[in-house]
Amino acid sequence: MENVIITGGTGQIGTALISLLVSNGYQVTVLTRSLQNKRETPQVKYAGWDVANGTIDVQAVLQADHIIHLVGAGVVDKKWTASYKKEIIDSRTKSIELIIDTLKNNKGKVKTIVSASATGWYGADKTSGDAFEEDEPAASDFLGNTCQLWEQSSEPAKALGIRVCKLRSGMVLFKSGGALAEFKKPLRWGIASILGSGKQVMSWIHIDDLCRIYLACIKNTQMQGSYNAVANEPVSNAAFILKLAETLRGKRFIPIYVPAFILKIMMGDRSIEVLKSVTVDNEKLKATGFTFLYPTVETALNNLLK
């Protein structure tokens, strides 16, 4: 039974991924800052670490066959102050650096590191209208810089003979929580809230497909480098909201456009994330043989809202 270490294992993606890994015969070790009140099973164990203090359970790292790096402060959780921007970056980079330093100083058996990244790498859509592919340079804005530092932080593992994959995920759709939960709130009152012009394209992915991509990166030893973890059908914000409203309420809703300036007042710099258009290509991922359970918005929403 191979062992997979997960950082950020208590989040929504981590929780879903642990379930998938266990069902596929893997033992999982979750790195956590607090070991109190953690219920272990034969398949799921917990090990301590404290990135700020540079401490980690070395033996847990040395027993791992694969590492999945998910941890990172939420990008839209708080106002983008200088200190929170630093936390967003450091939480992603310092954490994997601690693991790699541990592997440099001790003989381990890790074969694979799969690190989260995001389509924030790309910035806004190109004027040509072409979808972004993986060889595109990182955008020069805050999120582009964050993603670049995030991905670079796992690169030193290659010198240890470790295969490295990085998954640039789009908006992740969950049954509860995340962006989908926020989009659903106004629909309680029959209001379909379209953000800004509604023309901005959203590249998204169903949580089940995202977890399956992480698993594919572990199993498929030919996979390495960056992959766009997005579904086949990028869709405009207006089209997504209207499909969501139709799925939940049939024809019993009223579309309302929320002006961009209102969003900027409410969210500050974070409004960039909901107003920019990002069209991302997934051909490199599909060329590995990966197939999606939920390739379209309709199939994804029908599953998540049933």
C-alpha atoms as a PDB file:
ATOM      1  CA  MET A   1       0.000   0.000   0.000  1.00  0.00           C
ATOM      2  CA  GLU A   2       1.601   3.272  -1.126  1.00  0.00           C
ATOM      3  CA  ASN A   3       1.530   6.294   1.166  1.00  0.00           C
ATOM      4  CA  VAL A   4       0.470   9.765   0.037  1.00  0.00           C
ATOM      5  CA  ILE A   5       1.197  12.857   2.126  1.00  0.00           C
ATOM      6  CA  ILE A   6      -1.297  15.691   1.688  1.00  0.00           C
ATOM      7  CA  THR A   7      -0.855  19.302   2.739  1.00  0.00           C
ATOM      8  CA  GLY A   8      -4.112  21.205   3.068  1.00  0.00           C
ATOM      9  CA  GLY A   9      -5.920  17.920   3.584  1.00  0.00           C
ATOM     10  CA  THR A  10      -8.692  19.378   5.754  1.00  0.00           C
ATOM     11  CA  GLY A  11      -9.995  21.712   3.031  1.00  0.00           C
ATOM     12  CA  GLN A  12     -12.767  20.847   0.604  1.00  0.00           C
ATOM     13  CA  ILE A  13     -10.446  19.632  -2.143  1.00  0.00           C
ATOM     14  CA  GLY A  14      -8.291  17.742   0.349  1.00  0.00           C
ATOM     15  CA  THR A  15     -11.251  16.020   1.977  1.00  0.00           C
ATOM     16  CA  ALA A  16     -12.633  14.861  -1.371  1.00  0.00           C
ATOM     17  CA  LEU A  17      -9.207  13.772  -2.562  1.00  0.00           C
ATOM     18  CA  ILE A  18      -8.506  11.730   0.570  1.00  0.00           C
ATOM     19  CA  SER A  19     -11.737   9.808  -0.011  1.00  0.00           C
ATOM     20  CA  LEU A  20     -10.735   9.053  -3.606  1.00  0.00           C
ATOM     21  CA  LEU A  21      -7.205   7.992  -2.658  1.00  0.00           C
ATOM     22  CA  VAL A  22      -8.435   5.657   0.078  1.00  0.00           C
ATOM     23  CA  SER A  23     -10.972   4.087  -2.274  1.00  0.00           C
ATOM     24  CA  ASN A  24      -8.095   3.435  -4.701  1.00  0.00           C
ATOM     25  CA  GLY A  25      -6.013   1.602  -2.108  1.00  0.00           C
ATOM     26  CA  TYR A  26      -3.663   4.355  -0.902  1.00  0.00           C
ATOM     27  CA  GLN A  27      -2.772   5.155   2.671  1.00  0.00           C
ATOM     28  CA  VAL A  28      -2.919   8.901   3.371  1.00  0.00           C
ATOM     29  CA  THR A  29      -0.947  11.011   5.837  1.00  0.00           C
ATOM     30  CA  VAL A  30      -2.312  14.503   6.444  1.00  0.00           C
ATOM     31  CA  LEU A  31       0.159  17.131   7.604  1.00  0.00           C
ATOM     32  CA  THR A  32      -1.472  19.351  10.232  1.00  0.00           C
ATOM     33  CA  ARG A  33      -0.469  22.038  12.706  1.00  0.00           C
ATOM     34  CA  SER A  34      -2.565  20.446  15.454  1.00  0.00           C
ATOM     35  CA  LEU A  35      -2.843  16.741  16.198  1.00  0.00           C
ATOM     36  CA  GLN A  36      -5.557  17.218  18.816  1.00  0.00           C
ATOM     37  CA  ASN A  37      -8.959  15.614  18.208  1.00  0.00           C
ATOM     38  CA  LYS A  38      -7.861  13.976  14.964  1.00  0.00           C
ATOM     39  CA  ARG A  39      -9.553  10.623  14.372  1.00  0.00           C
ATOM     40  CA  GLU A  40      -7.207   8.261  12.601  1.00  0.00           C
ATOM     41  CA  THR A  41      -8.152   5.154  10.650  1.00  0.00           C
ATOM     42  CA  PRO A  42      -5.949   2.399   9.195  1.00  0.00           C
ATOM     43  CA  GLN A  43      -6.024   4.336   5.905  1.00  0.00           C
ATOM     44  CA  VAL A  44      -5.762   7.949   7.155  1.00  0.00           C
ATOM     45  CA  LYS A  45      -3.083   9.129   9.578  1.00  0.00           C
ATOM     46  CA  TYR A  46      -1.991  12.580  10.766  1.00  0.00           C
ATOM     47  CA  ALA A  47       1.485  14.019  11.231  1.00  0.00           C
ATOM     48  CA  GLY A  48       2.547  17.314  12.724  1.00  0.00           C
ATOM     49  CA  TRP A  49       4.287  20.251  11.117  1.00  0.00           C
ATOM     50  CA  ASP A  50       4.675  23.979  11.710  1.00  0.00           C
ATOM     51  CA  VAL A  51       5.893  25.860   8.666  1.00  0.00           C
ATOM     52  CA  ALA A  52       6.433  29.132  10.541  1.00  0.00           C
ATOM     53  CA  ASN A  53       8.808  27.396  12.956  1.00  0.00           C
ATOM     54  CA  GLY A  54      10.354  25.117  10.345  1.00  0.00           C
ATOM     55  CA  THR A  55       9.354  21.884  12.100  1.00  0.00           C
ATOM     56  CA  ILE A  56       7.948  18.721  10.522  1.00  0.00           C
ATOM     57  CA  ASP A  57       7.502  15.033  11.291  1.00  0.00           C
ATOM     58  CA  VAL A  58      10.552  13.805   9.387  1.00  0.00           C
ATOM     59  CA  GLN A  59       9.646  10.113   9.612  1.00  0.00           C
ATOM     60  CA  ALA A  60       6.233  10.783   8.067  1.00  0.00           C
ATOM     61  CA  VAL A  61       7.896  12.474   5.101  1.00  0.00           C
ATOM     62  CA  LEU A  62      10.410   9.673   4.665  1.00  0.00           C
ATOM     63  CA  GLN A  63       7.628   7.064   4.576  1.00  0.00           C
ATOM     64  CA  ALA A  64       5.789   8.818   1.753  1.00  0.00           C
ATOM     65  CA  ASP A  65       5.735   7.559  -1.823  1.00  0.00           C
ATOM     66  CA  HIS A  66       3.916  10.622  -3.169  1.00  0.00           C
ATOM     67  CA  ILE A  67       3.189  14.156  -1.952  1.00  0.00           C
ATOM     68  CA  ILE A  68       0.171  16.256  -2.892  1.00  0.00           C
ATOM     69  CA  HIS A  69       0.593  19.927  -2.044  1.00  0.00           C
ATOM     70  CA  LEU A  70      -2.721  21.756  -1.622  1.00  0.00           C
ATOM     71  CA  VAL A  71      -2.170  24.108   1.302  1.00  0.00           C
ATOM     72  CA  GLY A  72      -2.519  27.862   0.765  1.00  0.00           C
ATOM     73  CA  ALA A  73      -4.337  30.835   2.262  1.00  0.00           C
ATOM     74  CA  GLY A  74      -7.599  31.610   0.460  1.00  0.00           C
ATOM     75  CA  VAL A  75      -7.127  34.101  -2.351  1.00  0.00           C
ATOM     76  CA  VAL A  76     -10.484  35.852  -1.902  1.00  0.00           C
ATOM     77  CA  ASP A  77     -10.982  35.196   1.817  1.00  0.00           C
ATOM     78  CA  LYS A  78      -9.638  38.549   3.036  1.00  0.00           C
ATOM     79  CA  LYS A  79      -8.817  42.017   1.757  1.00  0.00           C
ATOM     80  CA  TRP A  80      -5.565  42.110  -0.210  1.00  0.00           C
ATOM     81  CA  THR A  81      -3.435  44.045   2.235  1.00  0.00           C
ATOM     82  CA  ALA A  82       0.337  43.861   1.889  1.00  0.00           C
ATOM     83  CA  SER A  83       0.524  41.457   4.825  1.00  0.00           C
ATOM     84  CA  TYR A  84      -2.215  39.181   3.478  1.00  0.00           C
ATOM     85  CA  LYS A  85      -0.643  39.114   0.025  1.00  0.00           C
ATOM     86  CA  LYS A  86       2.561  37.941   1.685  1.00  0.00           C
ATOM     87  CA  GLU A  87       0.584  35.256   3.562  1.00  0.00           C
ATOM     88  CA  ILE A  88      -1.010  34.056   0.324  1.00  0.00           C
ATOM     89  CA  ILE A  89       2.434  33.565  -1.242  1.00  0.00           C
ATOM     90  CA  ASP A  90       4.305  32.263   1.801  1.00  0.00           C
ATOM     91  CA  SER A  91       1.620  29.715   2.702  1.00  0.00           C
ATOM     92  CA  ARG A  92       2.083  28.127  -0.724  1.00  0.00           C
ATOM     93  CA  THR A  93       5.852  28.350  -1.116  1.00  0.00           C
ATOM     94  CA  LYS A  94       7.377  28.024   2.366  1.00  0.00           C
ATOM     95  CA  SER A  95       5.355  24.879   3.051  1.00  0.00           C
ATOM     96  CA  ILE A  96       6.603  22.842   0.088  1.00  0.00           C
ATOM     97  CA  GLU A  97      10.124  24.234   0.599  1.00  0.00           C
ATOM     98  CA  LEU A  98      10.107  22.743   4.117  1.00  0.00           C
ATOM     99  CA  ILE A  99       9.161  19.330   2.718  1.00  0.00           C
ATOM    100  CA  ILE A 100      11.778  19.440  -0.036  1.00  0.00           C
ATOM    101  CA  ASP A 101      14.479  20.556   2.411  1.00  0.00           C
ATOM    102  CA  THR A 102      13.545  17.584   4.597  1.00  0.00           C
ATOM    103  CA  LEU A 103      14.001  15.275   1.622  1.00  0.00           C
ATOM    104  CA  LYS A 104      17.352  16.885   0.764  1.00  0.00           C
ATOM    105  CA  ASN A 105      18.668  16.211   4.257  1.00  0.00           C
ATOM    106  CA  ASN A 106      17.271  12.690   4.663  1.00  0.00           C
ATOM    107  CA  LYS A 107      17.025   9.671   2.421  1.00  0.00           C
ATOM    108  CA  GLY A 108      13.388   9.224   1.461  1.00  0.00           C
ATOM    109  CA  LYS A 109      11.468   7.349  -1.222  1.00  0.00           C
ATOM    110  CA  VAL A 110       9.195  10.040  -2.627  1.00  0.00           C
ATOM    111  CA  LYS A 111       8.577   9.471  -6.328  1.00  0.00           C
ATOM    112  CA  THR A 112       6.070  12.184  -7.139  1.00  0.00           C
ATOM    113  CA  ILE A 113       5.075  15.670  -6.033  1.00  0.00           C
ATOM    114  CA  VAL A 114       1.784  17.011  -7.348  1.00  0.00           C
ATOM    115  CA  SER A 115       1.292  20.675  -6.507  1.00  0.00           C
ATOM    116  CA  ALA A 116      -1.817  22.771  -6.829  1.00  0.00           C
ATOM    117  CA  SER A 117      -1.614  25.928  -8.908  1.00  0.00           C
ATOM    118  CA  ALA A 118      -4.291  28.048 -10.575  1.00  0.00           C
ATOM    119  CA  THR A 119      -5.403  29.623 -13.829  1.00  0.00           C
ATOM    120  CA  GLY A 120      -4.515  32.931 -12.157  1.00  0.00           C
ATOM    121  CA  TRP A 121      -1.158  32.183 -13.822  1.00  0.00           C
ATOM    122  CA  TYR A 122      -2.546  33.609 -17.077  1.00  0.00           C
ATOM    123  CA  GLY A 123      -4.149  36.935 -16.277  1.00  0.00           C
ATOM    124  CA  ALA A 124      -6.942  38.202 -18.544  1.00  0.00           C
ATOM    125  CA  ASP A 125      -7.730  36.743 -21.969  1.00  0.00           C
ATOM    126  CA  LYS A 126      -5.544  37.622 -24.943  1.00  0.00           C
ATOM    127  CA  THR A 127      -6.927  40.056 -27.507  1.00  0.00           C
ATOM    128  CA  SER A 128      -6.539  37.344 -30.161  1.00  0.00           C
ATOM    129  CA  GLY A 129      -9.215  35.301 -28.436  1.00  0.00           C
ATOM    130  CA  ASP A 130      -6.978  32.210 -28.297  1.00  0.00           C
ATOM    131  CA  ALA A 131      -7.281  30.023 -25.200  1.00  0.00           C
ATOM    132  CA  PHE A 132      -4.300  29.905 -22.861  1.00  0.00           C
ATOM    133  CA  GLU A 133      -1.993  26.887 -23.109  1.00  0.00           C
ATOM    134  CA  GLU A 134       0.565  25.736 -20.552  1.00  0.00           C
ATOM    135  CA  ASP A 135       3.595  27.307 -22.268  1.00  0.00           C
ATOM    136  CA  GLU A 136       2.188  30.818 -21.786  1.00  0.00           C
ATOM    137  CA  PRO A 137       4.383  32.989 -19.507  1.00  0.00           C
ATOM    138  CA  ALA A 138       2.950  33.999 -16.151  1.00  0.00           C
ATOM    139  CA  ALA A 139       1.009  37.255 -16.001  1.00  0.00           C
ATOM    140  CA  SER A 140       2.736  40.246 -14.404  1.00  0.00           C
ATOM    141  CA  ASP A 141      -0.075  40.919 -11.903  1.00  0.00           C
ATOM    142  CA  PHE A 142      -0.290  39.715  -8.292  1.00  0.00           C
ATOM    143  CA  LEU A 143      -1.966  36.393  -9.056  1.00  0.00           C
ATOM    144  CA  GLY A 144       0.362  35.660 -11.962  1.00  0.00           C
ATOM    145  CA  ASN A 145       3.359  36.317  -9.730  1.00  0.00           C
ATOM    146  CA  THR A 146       1.833  34.206  -6.948  1.00  0.00           C
ATOM    147  CA  CYS A 147       1.283  31.237  -9.248  1.00  0.00           C
ATOM    148  CA  GLN A 148       4.773  31.538 -10.696  1.00  0.00           C
ATOM    149  CA  LEU A 149       6.384  31.488  -7.232  1.00  0.00           C
ATOM    150  CA  TRP A 150       4.027  28.654  -6.229  1.00  0.00           C
ATOM    151  CA  GLU A 151       5.076  26.479  -9.149  1.00  0.00           C
ATOM    152  CA  GLN A 152       8.762  27.356  -8.858  1.00  0.00           C
ATOM    153  CA  SER A 153       8.817  26.321  -5.192  1.00  0.00           C
ATOM    154  CA  SER A 154       8.372  22.634  -6.097  1.00  0.00           C
ATOM    155  CA  GLU A 155      10.963  22.633  -8.900  1.00  0.00           C
ATOM    156  CA  PRO A 156      14.010  21.831  -6.664  1.00  0.00           C
ATOM    157  CA  ALA A 157      12.500  18.368  -6.098  1.00  0.00           C
ATOM    158  CA  LYS A 158      13.536  17.447  -9.649  1.00  0.00           C
ATOM    159  CA  ALA A 159      17.189  17.481  -8.606  1.00  0.00           C
ATOM    160  CA  LEU A 160      16.307  14.702  -6.135  1.00  0.00           C
ATOM    161  CA  GLY A 161      14.913  12.526  -8.938  1.00  0.00           C
ATOM    162  CA  ILE A 162      11.312  13.322  -8.036  1.00  0.00           C
ATOM    163  CA  ARG A 163       8.715  13.736 -10.775  1.00  0.00           C
ATOM    164  CA  VAL A 164       6.812  17.033 -10.408  1.00  0.00           C
ATOM    165  CA  CYS A 165       3.325  17.848 -11.710  1.00  0.00           C
ATOM    166  CA  LYS A 166       1.526  21.178 -11.244  1.00  0.00           C
ATOM    167  CA  LEU A 167      -2.211  21.542 -11.752  1.00  0.00           C
ATOM    168  CA  ARG A 168      -3.539  24.951 -12.754  1.00  0.00           C
ATOM    169  CA  SER A 169      -7.140  24.565 -11.696  1.00  0.00           C
ATOM    170  CA  GLY A 170      -9.947  26.908 -12.625  1.00  0.00           C
ATOM    171  CA  MET A 171     -13.005  27.651 -10.505  1.00  0.00           C
ATOM    172  CA  VAL A 172     -13.759  24.433  -8.607  1.00  0.00           C
ATOM    173  CA  LEU A 173     -17.419  23.456  -8.306  1.00  0.00           C
ATOM    174  CA  PHE A 174     -18.473  21.728  -5.050  1.00  0.00           C
ATOM    175  CA  LYS A 175     -21.820  20.425  -3.816  1.00  0.00           C
ATOM    176  CA  SER A 176     -21.581  22.942  -0.972  1.00  0.00           C
ATOM    177  CA  GLY A 177     -19.270  25.874  -0.410  1.00  0.00           C
ATOM    178  CA  GLY A 178     -16.990  27.651  -2.834  1.00  0.00           C
ATOM    179  CA  ALA A 179     -18.093  29.911  -5.673  1.00  0.00           C
ATOM    180  CA  LEU A 180     -21.148  27.806  -6.514  1.00  0.00           C
ATOM    181  CA  ALA A 181     -22.598  28.371  -3.025  1.00  0.00           C
ATOM    182  CA  GLU A 182     -22.157  32.138  -3.450  1.00  0.00           C
ATOM    183  CA  PHE A 183     -23.816  32.092  -6.873  1.00  0.00           C
ATOM    184  CA  LYS A 184     -26.766  30.164  -5.431  1.00  0.00           C
ATOM    185  CA  LYS A 185     -27.535  32.582  -2.586  1.00  0.00           C
ATOM    186  CA  PRO A 186     -29.482  35.247  -4.559  1.00  0.00           C
ATOM    187  CA  LEU A 187     -31.492  32.489  -6.251  1.00  0.00           C
ATOM    188  CA  ARG A 188     -33.248  31.828  -2.940  1.00  0.00           C
ATOM    189  CA  TRP A 189     -35.197  34.968  -3.778  1.00  0.00           C
ATOM    190  CA  GLY A 190     -35.418  34.233  -7.494  1.00  0.00           C
ATOM    191  CA  ILE A 191     -32.583  36.591  -8.463  1.00  0.00           C
ATOM    192  CA  ALA A 192     -29.936  35.449 -10.924  1.00  0.00           C
ATOM    193  CA  SER A 193     -27.015  37.791 -10.159  1.00  0.00           C
ATOM    194  CA  ILE A 194     -24.815  38.236 -13.215  1.00  0.00           C
ATOM    195  CA  LEU A 195     -21.467  39.842 -12.382  1.00  0.00           C
ATOM    196  CA  GLY A 196     -20.388  42.925 -14.321  1.00  0.00           C
ATOM    197  CA  SER A 197     -21.105  42.564 -18.020  1.00  0.00           C
ATOM    198  CA  GLY A 198     -21.458  38.800 -17.642  1.00  0.00           C
ATOM    199  CA  LYS A 199     -19.320  38.354 -20.749  1.00  0.00           C
ATOM    200  CA  GLN A 200     -16.190  37.328 -18.838  1.00  0.00           C
ATOM    201  CA  VAL A 201     -15.304  33.688 -19.479  1.00  0.00           C
ATOM    202  CA  MET A 202     -14.873  31.336 -16.508  1.00  0.00           C
ATOM    203  CA  SER A 203     -12.736  28.222 -16.792  1.00  0.00           C
ATOM    204  CA  TRP A 204     -14.051  25.755 -14.212  1.00  0.00           C
ATOM    205  CA  ILE A 205     -13.880  22.120 -13.093  1.00  0.00           C
ATOM    206  CA  HIS A 206     -16.041  19.700 -11.104  1.00  0.00           C
ATOM    207  CA  ILE A 207     -14.439  18.627  -7.817  1.00  0.00           C
ATOM    208  CA  ASP A 208     -14.663  14.938  -8.754  1.00  0.00           C
ATOM    209  CA  ASP A 209     -12.759  15.505 -11.996  1.00  0.00           C
ATOM    210  CA  LEU A 210     -10.121  17.610 -10.234  1.00  0.00           C
ATOM    211  CA  CYS A 211      -9.498  14.849  -7.700  1.00  0.00           C
ATOM    212  CA  ARG A 212      -9.260  12.313 -10.522  1.00  0.00           C
ATOM    213  CA  ILE A 213      -6.579  14.458 -12.187  1.00  0.00           C
ATOM    214  CA  TYR A 214      -4.504  14.438  -8.991  1.00  0.00           C
ATOM    215  CA  LEU A 215      -4.842  10.649  -8.902  1.00  0.00           C
ATOM    216  CA  ALA A 216      -3.876  10.431 -12.582  1.00  0.00           C
ATOM    217  CA  CYS A 217      -0.698  12.412 -11.873  1.00  0.00           C
ATOM    218  CA  ILE A 218       0.290   9.815  -9.283  1.00  0.00           C
ATOM    219  CA  LYS A 219      -0.544   6.803 -11.433  1.00  0.00           C
ATOM    220  CA  ASN A 220       0.676   8.023 -14.826  1.00  0.00           C
ATOM    221  CA  THR A 221       4.455   8.255 -14.573  1.00  0.00           C
ATOM    222  CA  GLN A 222       4.623   9.973 -17.973  1.00  0.00           C
ATOM    223  CA  MET A 223       2.877  13.065 -16.621  1.00  0.00           C
ATOM    224  CA  GLN A 224       5.121  15.920 -15.550  1.00  0.00           C
ATOM    225  CA  GLY A 225       5.182  19.707 -15.651  1.00  0.00           C
ATOM    226  CA  SER A 226       2.140  21.989 -15.667  1.00  0.00           C
ATOM    227  CA  TYR A 227      -1.381  21.012 -16.726  1.00  0.00           C
ATOM    228  CA  ASN A 228      -4.513  23.104 -17.053  1.00  0.00           C
ATOM    229  CA  ALA A 229      -7.044  21.388 -14.802  1.00  0.00           C
ATOM    230  CA  VAL A 230     -10.216  22.754 -16.373  1.00  0.00           C
ATOM    231  CA  ALA A 231     -13.231  21.182 -18.048  1.00  0.00           C
ATOM    232  CA  ASN A 232     -13.879  21.132 -21.783  1.00  0.00           C
ATOM    233  CA  GLU A 233     -16.384  23.977 -21.803  1.00  0.00           C
ATOM    234  CA  PRO A 234     -15.291  27.400 -20.542  1.00  0.00           C
ATOM    235  CA  VAL A 235     -18.431  29.498 -20.207  1.00  0.00           C
ATOM    236  CA  SER A 236     -19.349  33.143 -19.715  1.00  0.00           C
ATOM    237  CA  ASN A 237     -20.485  34.269 -16.283  1.00  0.00           C
ATOM    238  CA  ALA A 238     -23.919  35.136 -17.671  1.00  0.00           C
ATOM    239  CA  ALA A 239     -24.334  31.729 -19.330  1.00  0.00           C
ATOM    240  CA  PHE A 240     -23.227  29.959 -16.150  1.00  0.00           C
ATOM    241  CA  ILE A 241     -25.562  31.933 -13.888  1.00  0.00           C
ATOM    242  CA  LEU A 242     -28.521  31.477 -16.216  1.00  0.00           C
ATOM    243  CA  LYS A 243     -27.899  27.723 -16.484  1.00  0.00           C
ATOM    244  CA  LEU A 244     -27.613  27.544 -12.693  1.00  0.00           C
ATOM    245  CA  ALA A 245     -30.880  29.476 -12.283  1.00  0.00           C
ATOM    246  CA  GLU A 246     -32.639  27.285 -14.826  1.00  0.00           C
ATOM    247  CA  THR A 247     -31.399  24.111 -13.116  1.00  0.00           C
ATOM    248  CA  LEU A 248     -32.541  25.292  -9.684  1.00  0.00           C
ATOM    249  CA  ARG A 249     -35.718  27.229 -10.489  1.00  0.00           C
ATOM    250  CA  GLY A 250     -36.855  26.422 -14.006  1.00  0.00           C
ATOM    251  CA  LYS A 251     -38.203  29.739 -15.342  1.00  0.00           C
ATOM    252  CA  ARG A 252     -38.929  31.271 -11.929  1.00  0.00           C
ATOM    253  CA  PHE A 253     -36.097  33.792 -11.725  1.00  0.00           C
ATOM    254  CA  ILE A 254     -35.137  37.319 -12.771  1.00  0.00           C
ATOM    255  CA  PRO A 255     -31.650  38.061 -14.213  1.00  0.00           C
ATOM    256  CA  ILE A 256     -30.027  41.121 -12.612  1.00  0.00           C
ATOM    257  CA  TYR A 257     -26.648  42.521 -13.574  1.00  0.00           C
ATOM    258  CA  VAL A 258     -24.442  43.614 -10.670  1.00  0.00           C
ATOM    259  CA  PRO A 259     -22.371  46.595 -11.920  1.00  0.00           C
ATOM    260  CA  ALA A 260     -18.604  46.206 -11.873  1.00  0.00           C
ATOM    261  CA  PHE A 261     -18.154  49.333  -9.734  1.00  0.00           C
ATOM    262  CA  ILE A 262     -20.339  47.807  -6.999  1.00  0.00           C
ATOM    263  CA  LEU A 263     -18.177  44.691  -6.963  1.00  0.00           C
ATOM    264  CA  LYS A 264     -15.035  46.832  -6.807  1.00  0.00           C
ATOM    265  CA  ILE A 265     -16.424  48.732  -3.814  1.00  0.00           C
ATOM    266  CA  MET A 266     -17.365  45.478  -2.054  1.00  0.00           C
ATOM    267  CA  MET A 267     -14.263  43.441  -2.891  1.00  0.00           C
ATOM    268  CA  GLY A 268     -11.495  45.904  -3.706  1.00  0.00           C
ATOM    269  CA  ASP A 269      -8.653  44.380  -5.734  1.00  0.00           C
ATOM    270  CA  ARG A 270     -10.190  40.925  -5.323  1.00  0.00           C
ATOM    271  CA  SER A 271     -12.946  41.926  -7.767  1.00  0.00           C
ATOM    272  CA  ILE A 272     -10.355  41.333 -10.482  1.00  0.00           C
ATOM    273  CA  GLU A 273     -10.918  37.611 -10.005  1.00  0.00           C
ATOM    274  CA  VAL A 274     -14.652  37.718 -10.726  1.00  0.00           C
ATOM    275  CA  LEU A 275     -14.568  40.312 -13.499  1.00  0.00           C
ATOM    276  CA  LYS A 276     -11.686  39.155 -15.691  1.00  0.00           C
ATOM    277  CA  SER A 277     -12.126  36.723 -18.569  1.00  0.00           C
ATOM    278  CA  VAL A 278      -9.839  33.664 -18.553  1.00  0.00           C
ATOM    279  CA  THR A 279     -10.270  31.094 -21.319  1.00  0.00           C
ATOM    280  CA  VAL A 280      -8.036  28.066 -20.729  1.00  0.00           C
ATOM    281  CA  ASP A 281      -7.247  25.118 -22.992  1.00  0.00           C
ATOM    282  CA  ASN A 282      -7.067  21.530 -21.627  1.00  0.00           C
ATOM    283  CA  GLU A 283      -5.723  19.655 -24.667  1.00  0.00           C
ATOM    284  CA  LYS A 284      -2.408  18.805 -22.975  1.00  0.00           C
ATOM    285  CA  LEU A 285      -4.278  17.060 -20.161  1.00  0.00           C
ATOM    286  CA  LYS A 286      -6.589  15.182 -22.522  1.00  0.00           C
ATOM    287  CA  ALA A 287      -3.559  14.034 -24.544  1.00  0.00           C
ATOM    288  CA  THR A 288      -2.488  11.979 -21.505  1.00  0.00           C
ATOM    289  CA  GLY A 289      -5.661   9.909 -21.895  1.00  0.00           C
ATOM    290  CA  PHE A 290      -7.626  11.652 -19.163  1.00  0.00           C
ATOM    291  CA  THR A 291     -11.378  11.828 -19.753  1.00  0.00           C
ATOM    292  CA  PHE A 292     -13.856  13.988 -17.849  1.00  0.00           C
ATOM    293  CA  LEU A 293     -16.914  12.751 -16.005  1.00  0.00           C
ATOM    294  CA  TYR A 294     -18.379  16.269 -16.208  1.00  0.00           C
ATOM    295  CA  PRO A 295     -17.115  17.986 -19.374  1.00  0.00           C
ATOM    296  CA  THR A 296     -19.927  20.562 -19.626  1.00  0.00           C
ATOM    297  CA  VAL A 297     -21.605  22.987 -17.245  1.00  0.00           C
ATOM    298  CA  GLU A 298     -24.918  21.207 -17.725  1.00  0.00           C
ATOM    299  CA  THR A 299     -23.543  17.798 -16.688  1.00  0.00           C
ATOM    300  CA  ALA A 300     -21.684  19.317 -13.737  1.00  0.00           C
ATOM    301  CA  LEU A 301     -24.663  21.268 -12.392  1.00  0.00           C
ATOM    302  CA  ASN A 302     -27.047  18.374 -12.877  1.00  0.00           C
ATOM    303  CA  ASN A 303     -24.748  16.250 -10.693  1.00  0.00           C
ATOM    304  CA  LEU A 304     -23.993  18.851  -8.020  1.00  0.00           C
ATOM    305  CA  LEU A 305     -27.555  20.135  -7.622  1.00  0.00           C
ATOM    306  CA  LYS A 306     -29.505  16.901  -7.867  1.00  0.00           C
END
